[in-house]
Amino acid sequence: MMDYYSGFSGPSKSVALEQVKSQYKASLLEPFIEAGKEEDLERLLEESITEGVNEIYGDSDECPGSATGWAIFVKSDILKAIRRILGEKINKQKESCSN
């Protein structure tokens, strides 16, 4: 079945962005939630999702893989990038608050 999907393109950058936001936003945010900081974290997550998708897609709107590649590799790479970027943003914010 996966071979069949390898003949199709993966989602465009805008569709990938919406998929990640709708399917993974809560799970990406959960490890970083602090009392009273949800709005700040929500903003940081929005920025991180956009930056993570842009990092993998680059300047192109076309998926860097087929539909199979999206399901197996591209989506995973995007989620890893988002987690890394979000962690960096949160650490930077914590450092600026403690100084």
Protein backbone atom coordinates (compact mmCIF):
# COMPACT_ATOMS: atom_id res chain seq x y z
CA MET A 1 0.00 0.00 0.00
CA MET A 2 2.82 2.42 0.86
CA ASP A 3 4.37 1.80 -2.56
CA TYR A 4 1.17 3.06 -4.12
CA TYR A 5 1.42 6.36 -2.23
CA SER A 6 5.06 6.87 -3.22
CA GLY A 7 3.76 7.98 -6.63
CA PHE A 8 1.90 10.91 -5.06
CA SER A 9 3.27 14.16 -3.68
CA GLY A 10 3.15 14.88 0.00
CA PRO A 11 1.22 17.89 1.32
CA SER A 12 2.12 21.46 0.39
CA LYS A 13 3.84 23.60 3.01
CA SER A 14 0.58 25.32 3.96
CA VAL A 15 -1.25 21.99 4.33
CA ALA A 16 1.66 20.55 6.34
CA LEU A 17 1.55 23.57 8.63
CA GLU A 18 -2.18 23.12 9.23
CA GLN A 19 -1.81 19.36 9.79
CA VAL A 20 0.90 19.83 12.38
CA LYS A 21 -1.07 22.56 14.15
CA SER A 22 -4.29 20.58 14.25
CA GLN A 23 -2.84 17.15 15.07
CA TYR A 24 0.24 17.80 17.19
CA LYS A 25 -0.07 21.20 18.84
CA ALA A 26 -1.32 19.95 22.20
CA SER A 27 1.25 17.16 22.45
CA LEU A 28 4.08 19.52 21.48
CA LEU A 29 3.02 22.05 24.10
CA GLU A 30 2.33 19.63 26.94
CA PRO A 31 5.93 19.11 28.18
CA PHE A 32 6.45 22.89 28.46
CA ILE A 33 3.24 24.03 30.17
CA GLU A 34 3.76 26.11 33.28
CA ALA A 35 1.06 27.69 35.39
CA GLY A 36 0.12 31.10 34.07
CA LYS A 37 2.38 30.85 31.04
CA GLU A 38 0.01 29.22 28.52
CA GLU A 39 -0.38 32.35 26.35
CA ASP A 40 3.38 32.85 26.08
CA LEU A 41 3.88 29.17 25.32
CA GLU A 42 1.09 29.21 22.75
CA ARG A 43 2.81 32.09 20.93
CA LEU A 44 6.20 30.34 21.09
CA LEU A 45 4.64 27.14 19.77
CA GLU A 46 2.98 28.94 16.86
CA GLU A 47 6.34 30.47 15.94
CA SER A 48 8.12 27.13 16.38
CA ILE A 49 5.65 25.25 14.17
CA THR A 50 6.04 27.80 11.39
CA GLU A 51 9.84 27.78 11.70
CA GLY A 52 9.98 23.97 11.85
CA VAL A 53 7.88 23.53 8.71
CA ASN A 54 9.90 26.24 6.94
CA GLU A 55 13.15 24.54 7.97
CA ILE A 56 12.16 21.29 6.28
CA TYR A 57 10.31 22.73 3.26
CA GLY A 58 12.74 25.60 2.70
CA ASP A 59 11.57 28.14 0.14
CA SER A 60 9.45 25.58 -1.69
CA ASP A 61 5.73 25.04 -1.19
CA GLU A 62 6.10 21.46 -2.46
CA CYS A 63 6.68 18.60 -0.07
CA PRO A 64 10.28 17.39 -0.10
CA GLY A 65 8.97 13.84 -0.40
CA SER A 66 6.15 11.74 -1.73
CA ALA A 67 3.02 10.96 0.28
CA THR A 68 4.87 7.93 1.66
CA GLY A 69 7.94 10.05 2.41
CA TRP A 70 5.72 12.53 4.25
CA ALA A 71 4.15 9.83 6.38
CA ILE A 72 7.43 8.13 7.24
CA PHE A 73 10.14 10.81 7.20
CA VAL A 74 9.11 14.40 6.51
CA LYS A 75 6.45 14.71 9.21
CA SER A 76 8.81 13.16 11.76
CA ASP A 77 11.61 15.54 10.75
CA ILE A 78 9.23 18.50 11.12
CA LEU A 79 8.12 17.40 14.60
CA LYS A 80 11.76 16.96 15.69
CA ALA A 81 12.61 20.43 14.37
CA ILE A 82 9.60 21.96 16.14
CA ARG A 83 10.52 20.34 19.46
CA ARG A 84 14.12 21.55 19.15
CA ILE A 85 13.11 25.09 18.17
CA LEU A 86 10.44 25.28 20.90
CA GLY A 87 12.92 24.06 23.52
CA GLU A 88 15.46 26.69 22.41
CA LYS A 89 12.83 29.45 22.53
CA ILE A 90 11.64 28.42 25.99
CA ASN A 91 15.18 28.21 27.34
CA LYS A 92 15.97 31.64 25.90
CA GLN A 93 12.82 33.07 27.49
CA LYS A 94 13.66 31.49 30.86
CA GLU A 95 17.17 32.94 30.72
CA SER A 96 15.87 36.42 29.95
CA CYS A 97 13.36 36.20 32.81
CA SER A 98 16.00 35.10 35.32
CA ASN A 99 18.41 37.90 34.44
